[in-house]
C-alpha atoms as a PDB file:
ATOM      1  CA  MET A   1      49.251 -46.297 -39.417  1.00  0.00           C
ATOM      2  CA  ALA A   2      46.567 -48.964 -39.323  1.00  0.00           C
ATOM      3  CA  LEU A   3      43.960 -48.850 -36.605  1.00  0.00           C
ATOM      4  CA  THR A   4      43.771 -51.587 -34.077  1.00  0.00           C
ATOM      5  CA  ASP A   5      40.607 -53.587 -33.610  1.00  0.00           C
ATOM      6  CA  ILE A   6      39.993 -51.818 -30.280  1.00  0.00           C
ATOM      7  CA  GLU A   7      40.307 -48.380 -31.917  1.00  0.00           C
ATOM      8  CA  LYS A   8      38.025 -49.418 -34.759  1.00  0.00           C
ATOM      9  CA  SER A   9      35.463 -50.671 -32.246  1.00  0.00           C
ATOM     10  CA  PHE A  10      35.643 -47.426 -30.281  1.00  0.00           C
ATOM     11  CA  LEU A  11      35.138 -45.265 -33.376  1.00  0.00           C
ATOM     12  CA  TYR A  12      32.236 -47.408 -34.529  1.00  0.00           C
ATOM     13  CA  THR A  13      30.540 -47.306 -31.134  1.00  0.00           C
ATOM     14  CA  TYR A  14      31.047 -43.531 -30.843  1.00  0.00           C
ATOM     15  CA  SER A  15      29.664 -42.906 -34.336  1.00  0.00           C
ATOM     16  CA  GLN A  16      26.638 -45.031 -33.505  1.00  0.00           C
ATOM     17  CA  GLN A  17      26.023 -42.953 -30.374  1.00  0.00           C
ATOM     18  CA  LEU A  18      26.197 -39.727 -32.388  1.00  0.00           C
ATOM     19  CA  LEU A  19      23.876 -41.164 -35.019  1.00  0.00           C
ATOM     20  CA  GLN A  20      21.437 -42.291 -32.334  1.00  0.00           C
ATOM     21  CA  GLN A  21      21.578 -38.832 -30.764  1.00  0.00           C
ATOM     22  CA  ASP A  22      20.969 -37.195 -34.134  1.00  0.00           C
ATOM     23  CA  MET A  23      17.943 -39.431 -34.727  1.00  0.00           C
ATOM     24  CA  LEU A  24      16.552 -38.501 -31.321  1.00  0.00           C
ATOM     25  CA  THR A  25      16.967 -34.781 -31.926  1.00  0.00           C
ATOM     26  CA  ASN A  26      15.407 -35.117 -35.369  1.00  0.00           C
ATOM     27  CA  ARG A  27      12.411 -36.802 -33.785  1.00  0.00           C
ATOM     28  CA  LEU A  28      12.262 -34.201 -31.059  1.00  0.00           C
ATOM     29  CA  PHE A  29      12.535 -31.124 -33.256  1.00  0.00           C
ATOM     30  CA  GLY A  30      11.592 -32.369 -36.725  1.00  0.00           C
ATOM     31  CA  SER A  31      13.023 -30.258 -39.530  1.00  0.00           C
ATOM     32  CA  SER A  32      12.764 -26.965 -37.654  1.00  0.00           C
ATOM     33  CA  ALA A  33      15.537 -24.373 -37.508  1.00  0.00           C
ATOM     34  CA  VAL A  34      16.066 -25.231 -33.855  1.00  0.00           C
ATOM     35  CA  GLY A  35      16.528 -28.873 -34.776  1.00  0.00           C
ATOM     36  CA  ARG A  36      19.070 -28.011 -37.448  1.00  0.00           C
ATOM     37  CA  ASP A  37      21.030 -25.836 -35.060  1.00  0.00           C
ATOM     38  CA  LEU A  38      20.936 -28.544 -32.419  1.00  0.00           C
ATOM     39  CA  ARG A  39      22.288 -31.151 -34.836  1.00  0.00           C
ATOM     40  CA  SER A  40      24.998 -28.721 -35.890  1.00  0.00           C
ATOM     41  CA  LEU A  41      25.891 -28.223 -32.254  1.00  0.00           C
ATOM     42  CA  VAL A  42      26.039 -31.989 -31.596  1.00  0.00           C
ATOM     43  CA  LEU A  43      28.105 -32.732 -34.685  1.00  0.00           C
ATOM     44  CA  GLY A  44      30.501 -29.855 -34.134  1.00  0.00           C
ATOM     45  CA  ASP A  45      29.405 -27.530 -36.930  1.00  0.00           C
ATOM     46  CA  PRO A  46      29.456 -23.771 -36.158  1.00  0.00           C
ATOM     47  CA  VAL A  47      26.230 -22.440 -34.657  1.00  0.00           C
ATOM     48  CA  ARG A  48      25.202 -18.822 -34.977  1.00  0.00           C
ATOM     49  CA  ALA A  49      26.026 -17.286 -31.565  1.00  0.00           C
ATOM     50  CA  THR A  50      23.052 -14.983 -31.060  1.00  0.00           C
ATOM     51  CA  THR A  51      21.555 -13.982 -27.756  1.00  0.00           C
ATOM     52  CA  PHE A  52      18.257 -15.716 -27.109  1.00  0.00           C
ATOM     53  CA  THR A  53      15.444 -13.720 -25.546  1.00  0.00           C
ATOM     54  CA  ASN A  54      11.876 -14.720 -24.858  1.00  0.00           C
ATOM     55  CA  PRO A  55       9.611 -11.845 -25.893  1.00  0.00           C
ATOM     56  CA  PHE A  56       6.686 -13.260 -23.914  1.00  0.00           C
ATOM     57  CA  GLU A  57       8.714 -13.366 -20.712  1.00  0.00           C
ATOM     58  CA  GLN A  58      10.058  -9.864 -21.339  1.00  0.00           C
ATOM     59  CA  ALA A  59       6.541  -8.490 -21.909  1.00  0.00           C
ATOM     60  CA  MET A  60       5.132 -10.309 -18.887  1.00  0.00           C
ATOM     61  CA  SER A  61       7.960  -9.051 -16.691  1.00  0.00           C
ATOM     62  CA  GLY A  62       7.333  -5.472 -17.862  1.00  0.00           C
ATOM     63  CA  THR A  63       3.616  -5.791 -17.158  1.00  0.00           C
ATOM     64  CA  LEU A  64       4.272  -7.125 -13.672  1.00  0.00           C
ATOM     65  CA  ARG A  65       6.723  -4.319 -12.914  1.00  0.00           C
ATOM     66  CA  ALA A  66       4.177  -1.740 -14.084  1.00  0.00           C
ATOM     67  CA  ASP A  67       1.509  -3.382 -11.915  1.00  0.00           C
ATOM     68  CA  ALA A  68       3.860  -3.320  -8.938  1.00  0.00           C
ATOM     69  CA  GLN A  69       4.485   0.399  -9.415  1.00  0.00           C
ATOM     70  CA  SER A  70       0.743   1.065  -9.674  1.00  0.00           C
ATOM     71  CA  VAL A  71       0.003  -0.901  -6.501  1.00  0.00           C
ATOM     72  CA  ARG A  72       2.876   0.805  -4.691  1.00  0.00           C
ATOM     73  CA  GLN A  73       1.470   4.222  -5.625  1.00  0.00           C
ATOM     74  CA  ALA A  74      -1.959   3.121  -4.404  1.00  0.00           C
ATOM     75  CA  SER A  75      -0.317   2.088  -1.121  1.00  0.00           C
ATOM     76  CA  ARG A  76       1.226   5.542  -0.773  1.00  0.00           C
ATOM     77  CA  ASN A  77      -2.140   7.178  -1.464  1.00  0.00           C
ATOM     78  CA  VAL A  78      -3.879   5.017   1.137  1.00  0.00           C
ATOM     79  CA  GLY A  79      -1.066   5.865   3.547  1.00  0.00           C
ATOM     80  CA  GLU A  80      -1.807   9.552   2.955  1.00  0.00           C
ATOM     81  CA  ALA A  81      -5.463   8.886   3.746  1.00  0.00           C
ATOM     82  CA  ALA A  82      -4.462   7.128   6.978  1.00  0.00           C
ATOM     83  CA  ALA A  83      -2.270  10.088   7.906  1.00  0.00           C
ATOM     84  CA  MET A  84      -5.187  12.482   7.300  1.00  0.00           C
ATOM     85  CA  MET A  85      -7.360  10.368   9.580  1.00  0.00           C
ATOM     86  CA  GLY A  86      -4.549  10.424  12.112  1.00  0.00           C
ATOM     87  CA  VAL A  87      -4.561  14.228  12.178  1.00  0.00           C
ATOM     88  CA  ALA A  88      -8.343  14.286  12.616  1.00  0.00           C
ATOM     89  CA  ARG A  89      -8.168  11.642  15.370  1.00  0.00           C
ATOM     90  CA  THR A  90      -5.441  13.496  17.255  1.00  0.00           C
ATOM     91  CA  GLU A  91      -7.324  16.791  17.237  1.00  0.00           C
ATOM     92  CA  MET A  92     -10.576  15.078  18.192  1.00  0.00           C
ATOM     93  CA  ALA A  93      -8.784  13.537  21.174  1.00  0.00           C
ATOM     94  CA  THR A  94      -7.668  17.059  22.152  1.00  0.00           C
ATOM     95  CA  ILE A  95     -11.289  18.234  21.980  1.00  0.00           C
ATOM     96  CA  VAL A  96     -12.564  15.317  24.080  1.00  0.00           C
ATOM     97  CA  ASP A  97      -9.832  15.896  26.688  1.00  0.00           C
ATOM     98  CA  ALA A  98     -10.802  19.591  26.937  1.00  0.00           C
ATOM     99  CA  LEU A  99     -14.467  18.688  27.417  1.00  0.00           C
ATOM    100  CA  ASP A 100     -13.433  16.217  30.120  1.00  0.00           C
ATOM    101  CA  GLU A 101     -11.648  19.044  31.926  1.00  0.00           C
ATOM    102  CA  MET A 102     -14.665  21.340  31.590  1.00  0.00           C
ATOM    103  CA  GLU A 103     -16.973  18.683  33.012  1.00  0.00           C
ATOM    104  CA  ASP A 104     -14.565  18.063  35.878  1.00  0.00           C
ATOM    105  CA  MET A 105     -14.386  21.804  36.553  1.00  0.00           C
ATOM    106  CA  ILE A 106     -18.182  22.085  36.827  1.00  0.00           C
ATOM    107  CA  ASP A 107     -18.299  19.031  39.113  1.00  0.00           C
ATOM    108  CA  LYS A 108     -15.746  20.683  41.412  1.00  0.00           C
ATOM    109  CA  ILE A 109     -17.761  23.901  41.475  1.00  0.00           C
ATOM    110  CA  ASN A 110     -20.866  21.901  42.426  1.00  0.00           C
ATOM    111  CA  SER A 111     -18.943  20.153  45.204  1.00  0.00           C
ATOM    112  CA  GLY A 112     -17.515  23.423  46.541  1.00  0.00           C
ATOM    113  CA  GLU A 113     -13.882  22.758  45.572  1.00  0.00           C
ATOM    114  CA  LEU A 114     -13.928  25.649  43.092  1.00  0.00           C
ATOM    115  CA  ASP A 115     -15.701  29.002  43.145  1.00  0.00           C
ATOM    116  CA  GLY A 116     -17.886  29.426  40.068  1.00  0.00           C
ATOM    117  CA  THR A 117     -17.986  33.204  40.540  1.00  0.00           C
ATOM    118  CA  SER A 118     -14.204  33.464  40.370  1.00  0.00           C
ATOM    119  CA  LEU A 119     -13.001  35.264  37.247  1.00  0.00           C
ATOM    120  CA  VAL A 120      -9.953  32.989  37.220  1.00  0.00           C
ATOM    121  CA  VAL A 121     -12.109  29.853  37.147  1.00  0.00           C
ATOM    122  CA  GLN A 122     -14.372  31.337  34.509  1.00  0.00           C
ATOM    123  CA  GLY A 123     -11.306  32.353  32.475  1.00  0.00           C
ATOM    124  CA  ASP A 124      -9.923  28.802  32.664  1.00  0.00           C
ATOM    125  CA  PHE A 125     -13.244  27.493  31.391  1.00  0.00           C
ATOM    126  CA  ASP A 126     -13.196  29.911  28.458  1.00  0.00           C
ATOM    127  CA  ALA A 127      -9.561  28.983  27.738  1.00  0.00           C
ATOM    128  CA  LEU A 128     -10.596  25.351  27.350  1.00  0.00           C
ATOM    129  CA  ARG A 129     -13.316  26.402  24.899  1.00  0.00           C
ATOM    130  CA  ASP A 130     -10.742  28.392  22.907  1.00  0.00           C
ATOM    131  CA  LYS A 131      -8.449  25.369  22.931  1.00  0.00           C
ATOM    132  CA  ILE A 132     -11.240  23.368  21.290  1.00  0.00           C
ATOM    133  CA  THR A 133     -11.948  25.925  18.569  1.00  0.00           C
ATOM    134  CA  GLY A 134      -8.212  26.272  17.939  1.00  0.00           C
ATOM    135  CA  ALA A 135      -7.876  22.500  17.487  1.00  0.00           C
ATOM    136  CA  ILE A 136     -10.734  22.566  14.974  1.00  0.00           C
ATOM    137  CA  SER A 137      -9.364  25.391  12.848  1.00  0.00           C
ATOM    138  CA  GLY A 138      -5.810  24.050  13.062  1.00  0.00           C
ATOM    139  CA  ALA A 139      -6.576  20.437  12.094  1.00  0.00           C
ATOM    140  CA  ASP A 140      -4.823  20.547   8.733  1.00  0.00           C
ATOM    141  CA  TYR A 141      -3.081  17.971   6.568  1.00  0.00           C
ATOM    142  CA  ASN A 142      -1.086  19.436   3.668  1.00  0.00           C
ATOM    143  CA  GLY A 143      -3.602  22.220   3.203  1.00  0.00           C
ATOM    144  CA  ILE A 144      -6.671  20.049   3.760  1.00  0.00           C
ATOM    145  CA  ALA A 145      -8.784  21.138   6.741  1.00  0.00           C
ATOM    146  CA  VAL A 146     -10.190  17.923   8.212  1.00  0.00           C
ATOM    147  CA  LEU A 147     -12.543  19.344  10.892  1.00  0.00           C
ATOM    148  CA  ASP A 148     -13.372  22.929   9.943  1.00  0.00           C
ATOM    149  CA  SER A 149     -16.170  22.919   7.347  1.00  0.00           C
ATOM    150  CA  SER A 150     -15.726  26.645   6.733  1.00  0.00           C
ATOM    151  CA  GLN A 151     -12.514  25.679   4.922  1.00  0.00           C
ATOM    152  CA  TRP A 152     -14.144  22.982   2.759  1.00  0.00           C
ATOM    153  CA  ASP A 153     -15.461  23.048  -0.809  1.00  0.00           C
ATOM    154  CA  THR A 154     -12.026  23.091  -2.474  1.00  0.00           C
ATOM    155  CA  SER A 155     -10.343  20.986  -5.146  1.00  0.00           C
ATOM    156  CA  GLN A 156      -9.058  18.671  -2.386  1.00  0.00           C
ATOM    157  CA  ILE A 157     -12.100  18.318  -0.125  1.00  0.00           C
ATOM    158  CA  ASP A 158     -15.708  18.850  -1.178  1.00  0.00           C
ATOM    159  CA  ALA A 159     -18.426  20.775   0.656  1.00  0.00           C
ATOM    160  CA  THR A 160     -19.574  17.706   2.583  1.00  0.00           C
ATOM    161  CA  GLY A 161     -16.124  16.685   3.818  1.00  0.00           C
ATOM    162  CA  ASN A 162     -15.229  14.013   1.224  1.00  0.00           C
ATOM    163  CA  VAL A 163     -11.646  13.510   0.036  1.00  0.00           C
ATOM    164  CA  HIS A 164     -11.100  11.194  -2.935  1.00  0.00           C
ATOM    165  CA  ILE A 165      -8.315   8.625  -2.636  1.00  0.00           C
ATOM    166  CA  GLN A 166      -6.952   7.043  -5.835  1.00  0.00           C
ATOM    167  CA  SER A 167      -6.385   3.426  -4.810  1.00  0.00           C
ATOM    168  CA  SER A 168      -6.029   1.819  -8.261  1.00  0.00           C
ATOM    169  CA  ALA A 169      -5.463   2.741 -11.887  1.00  0.00           C
ATOM    170  CA  SER A 170      -9.200   2.523 -12.540  1.00  0.00           C
ATOM    171  CA  GLY A 171     -10.587   4.352  -9.517  1.00  0.00           C
ATOM    172  CA  GLY A 172     -10.614   4.802  -5.772  1.00  0.00           C
ATOM    173  CA  PHE A 173     -12.798   5.705  -2.830  1.00  0.00           C
ATOM    174  CA  ASP A 174     -13.793   8.652  -0.634  1.00  0.00           C
ATOM    175  CA  ILE A 175     -12.908   9.227   2.997  1.00  0.00           C
ATOM    176  CA  THR A 176     -15.329  11.466   4.880  1.00  0.00           C
ATOM    177  CA  PHE A 177     -14.670  13.940   7.665  1.00  0.00           C
ATOM    178  CA  HIS A 178     -17.275  15.286  10.093  1.00  0.00           C
ATOM    179  CA  SER A 179     -17.972  18.950  10.551  1.00  0.00           C
ATOM    180  CA  VAL A 180     -17.511  19.835  14.241  1.00  0.00           C
ATOM    181  CA  ASP A 181     -17.811  23.605  13.886  1.00  0.00           C
ATOM    182  CA  ASP A 182     -21.192  24.096  12.200  1.00  0.00           C
ATOM    183  CA  PRO A 183     -23.973  25.546  14.419  1.00  0.00           C
ATOM    184  CA  SER A 184     -26.574  24.320  11.904  1.00  0.00           C
ATOM    185  CA  SER A 185     -25.597  20.753  12.803  1.00  0.00           C
ATOM    186  CA  GLY A 186     -26.082  21.402  16.505  1.00  0.00           C
ATOM    187  CA  VAL A 187     -22.463  22.183  17.369  1.00  0.00           C
ATOM    188  CA  ASN A 188     -22.133  25.682  18.744  1.00  0.00           C
ATOM    189  CA  TRP A 189     -19.004  26.151  20.834  1.00  0.00           C
ATOM    190  CA  SER A 190     -19.942  29.744  21.678  1.00  0.00           C
ATOM    191  CA  ASP A 191     -22.658  28.320  23.970  1.00  0.00           C
ATOM    192  CA  LEU A 192     -19.866  27.330  26.347  1.00  0.00           C
ATOM    193  CA  THR A 193     -19.093  30.360  28.506  1.00  0.00           C
ATOM    194  CA  GLY A 194     -17.404  30.704  31.845  1.00  0.00           C
ATOM    195  CA  ALA A 195     -19.648  33.575  32.884  1.00  0.00           C
ATOM    196  CA  ASP A 196     -22.515  31.106  33.308  1.00  0.00           C
ATOM    197  CA  LEU A 197     -20.698  29.089  35.974  1.00  0.00           C
ATOM    198  CA  GLY A 198     -21.562  31.497  38.807  1.00  0.00           C
ATOM    199  CA  ALA A 199     -25.255  30.570  39.172  1.00  0.00           C
ATOM    200  CA  ALA A 200     -26.561  27.053  39.792  1.00  0.00           C
ATOM    201  CA  GLY A 201     -29.162  27.207  37.005  1.00  0.00           C
ATOM    202  CA  THR A 202     -26.901  28.424  34.231  1.00  0.00           C
ATOM    203  CA  ARG A 203     -24.120  26.142  35.489  1.00  0.00           C
ATOM    204  CA  ALA A 204     -26.450  23.165  35.083  1.00  0.00           C
ATOM    205  CA  THR A 205     -27.136  24.296  31.513  1.00  0.00           C
ATOM    206  CA  GLN A 206     -23.375  24.498  30.866  1.00  0.00           C
ATOM    207  CA  LEU A 207     -22.928  20.977  32.222  1.00  0.00           C
ATOM    208  CA  GLY A 208     -25.626  19.725  29.852  1.00  0.00           C
ATOM    209  CA  TYR A 209     -23.888  21.394  26.901  1.00  0.00           C
ATOM    210  CA  VAL A 210     -20.538  19.876  27.864  1.00  0.00           C
ATOM    211  CA  GLN A 211     -21.883  16.369  28.336  1.00  0.00           C
ATOM    212  CA  THR A 212     -23.839  16.414  25.063  1.00  0.00           C
ATOM    213  CA  LEU A 213     -20.869  17.701  23.088  1.00  0.00           C
ATOM    214  CA  LYS A 214     -18.528  15.251  24.762  1.00  0.00           C
ATOM    215  CA  SER A 215     -20.754  12.321  23.791  1.00  0.00           C
ATOM    216  CA  GLU A 216     -20.898  13.498  20.160  1.00  0.00           C
ATOM    217  CA  MET A 217     -17.156  14.132  19.937  1.00  0.00           C
ATOM    218  CA  GLU A 218     -16.318  10.753  21.475  1.00  0.00           C
ATOM    219  CA  SER A 219     -18.449   9.033  18.827  1.00  0.00           C
ATOM    220  CA  ILE A 220     -16.626  10.882  16.042  1.00  0.00           C
ATOM    221  CA  LEU A 221     -13.278  10.088  17.669  1.00  0.00           C
ATOM    222  CA  ASP A 222     -14.132   6.382  17.665  1.00  0.00           C
ATOM    223  CA  VAL A 223     -15.057   6.573  13.965  1.00  0.00           C
ATOM    224  CA  TYR A 224     -11.752   8.237  13.076  1.00  0.00           C
ATOM    225  CA  GLN A 225      -9.771   5.712  15.098  1.00  0.00           C
ATOM    226  CA  GLY A 226     -11.465   2.825  13.299  1.00  0.00           C
ATOM    227  CA  LYS A 227     -10.924   4.413   9.872  1.00  0.00           C
ATOM    228  CA  GLU A 228      -7.271   5.120  10.600  1.00  0.00           C
ATOM    229  CA  ASP A 229      -6.662   1.518  11.672  1.00  0.00           C
ATOM    230  CA  SER A 230      -8.463   0.187   8.591  1.00  0.00           C
ATOM    231  CA  LEU A 231      -6.503   2.412   6.203  1.00  0.00           C
ATOM    232  CA  GLN A 232      -3.192   1.503   7.812  1.00  0.00           C
ATOM    233  CA  SER A 233      -4.046  -2.175   7.388  1.00  0.00           C
ATOM    234  CA  GLN A 234      -4.973  -1.593   3.746  1.00  0.00           C
ATOM    235  CA  GLU A 235      -1.696   0.249   3.177  1.00  0.00           C
ATOM    236  CA  ILE A 236       0.291  -2.714   4.525  1.00  0.00           C
ATOM    237  CA  GLN A 237      -1.670  -5.157   2.357  1.00  0.00           C
ATOM    238  CA  LEU A 238      -0.968  -3.098  -0.766  1.00  0.00           C
ATOM    239  CA  GLN A 239       2.728  -2.917   0.115  1.00  0.00           C
ATOM    240  CA  SER A 240       2.810  -6.712   0.406  1.00  0.00           C
ATOM    241  CA  GLN A 241       1.004  -7.065  -2.913  1.00  0.00           C
ATOM    242  CA  ALA A 242       3.542  -4.784  -4.624  1.00  0.00           C
ATOM    243  CA  GLN A 243       6.405  -6.838  -3.202  1.00  0.00           C
ATOM    244  CA  LEU A 244       4.835 -10.044  -4.517  1.00  0.00           C
ATOM    245  CA  LEU A 245       4.489  -8.484  -7.971  1.00  0.00           C
ATOM    246  CA  ASP A 246       8.140  -7.400  -7.845  1.00  0.00           C
ATOM    247  CA  LYS A 247       9.181 -10.981  -7.088  1.00  0.00           C
ATOM    248  CA  ALA A 248       6.971 -12.316  -9.870  1.00  0.00           C
ATOM    249  CA  ALA A 249       8.515  -9.852 -12.341  1.00  0.00           C
ATOM    250  CA  GLN A 250      11.997 -10.880 -11.250  1.00  0.00           C
ATOM    251  CA  MET A 251      11.175 -14.557 -11.738  1.00  0.00           C
ATOM    252  CA  ARG A 252       9.864 -13.794 -15.232  1.00  0.00           C
ATOM    253  CA  MET A 253      13.170 -12.202 -16.225  1.00  0.00           C
ATOM    254  CA  PRO A 254      15.826 -14.504 -17.747  1.00  0.00           C
ATOM    255  CA  SER A 255      18.405 -15.390 -15.124  1.00  0.00           C
ATOM    256  CA  ASP A 256      21.163 -14.761 -17.704  1.00  0.00           C
ATOM    257  CA  PRO A 257      20.724 -11.678 -19.931  1.00  0.00           C
ATOM    258  CA  ASP A 258      23.331 -13.143 -22.349  1.00  0.00           C
ATOM    259  CA  TYR A 259      21.545 -16.444 -22.727  1.00  0.00           C
ATOM    260  CA  SER A 260      22.831 -17.674 -26.115  1.00  0.00           C
ATOM    261  CA  LEU A 261      21.305 -20.052 -28.623  1.00  0.00           C
ATOM    262  CA  GLU A 262      24.027 -22.598 -27.862  1.00  0.00           C
ATOM    263  CA  LYS A 263      23.103 -22.537 -24.179  1.00  0.00           C
ATOM    264  CA  LEU A 264      19.425 -22.856 -25.033  1.00  0.00           C
ATOM    265  CA  LEU A 265      19.998 -25.902 -27.254  1.00  0.00           C
ATOM    266  CA  ALA A 266      22.375 -27.529 -24.807  1.00  0.00           C
ATOM    267  CA  ASP A 267      19.884 -27.028 -21.975  1.00  0.00           C
ATOM    268  CA  LEU A 268      17.099 -28.494 -24.074  1.00  0.00           C
ATOM    269  CA  VAL A 269      19.175 -31.592 -24.808  1.00  0.00           C
ATOM    270  CA  ALA A 270      20.250 -31.971 -21.220  1.00  0.00           C
ATOM    271  CA  ASP A 271      16.651 -31.597 -20.038  1.00  0.00           C
ATOM    272  CA  GLN A 272      15.129 -34.003 -22.554  1.00  0.00           C
ATOM    273  CA  LEU A 273      17.934 -36.536 -23.099  1.00  0.00           C
ATOM    274  CA  GLY A 274      20.219 -36.256 -20.115  1.00  0.00           C
ATOM    275  CA  SER A 275      23.410 -35.554 -22.075  1.00  0.00           C
ATOM    276  CA  ILE A 276      24.571 -35.091 -25.660  1.00  0.00           C
ATOM    277  CA  VAL A 277      26.600 -38.260 -25.674  1.00  0.00           C
ATOM    278  CA  ASP A 278      25.677 -41.361 -23.728  1.00  0.00           C
ATOM    279  CA  SER A 279      28.975 -42.256 -22.133  1.00  0.00           C
ATOM    280  CA  SER A 280      27.602 -45.379 -20.509  1.00  0.00           C
ATOM    281  CA  GLY A 281      27.763 -47.387 -23.805  1.00  0.00           C
END
């Protein structure tokens, strides 16, 4: 059956569009294998249906995931350091509270509200001292004594109270705890004794001991509070950094794991030329 003039015109116009498209893809890709596959796709020839992967994107995504894991581990380590500081701060607050009570007890003896010669009062004073020494020896975080220097010089905490925190793959930092049990540093809890509350002179000496120790312990408490806050803030920052790296790794991954060569070529054409065939002609 002979073609009509309209049909002949349509076939001619369509063939011209395909030829024009082929010329454009040749110019875009030259004589590369991608260009040949694209022309085969446009003209209807079979194209090898292989999955396309970008090795650079795969490697970058793996690197970012590894970095995220490293930062997340650093965040956990810093969180452990903050928890250690929290234990030290809590026990130091117990010590300061006990010294407050001892000072208040002496003030009440001086004002006549309590009897300094009473064995009960003296026993209460000694009980507060024992509460302090118990807090010191019991301040422990996973086997690390944070206040009692007699338990230092181990694989976890050195002789001067330093604990190393691994905060990155290449290194970390030390957190330092203060010895509050060492008589050589001026802290001697055995100087506090209820038996000295009965006489005005020795009671005045006890008050001086209490006030001096309270001032020192309050200073250490403030240091621990500041360190704990700083470490908690650092932990949150590292968590946020790990989350950002996770998102970056996800963005680097191909959205379609079965991204084929046909899809790649079609997307390239659509991106560069708008469509394979210009239907507006």
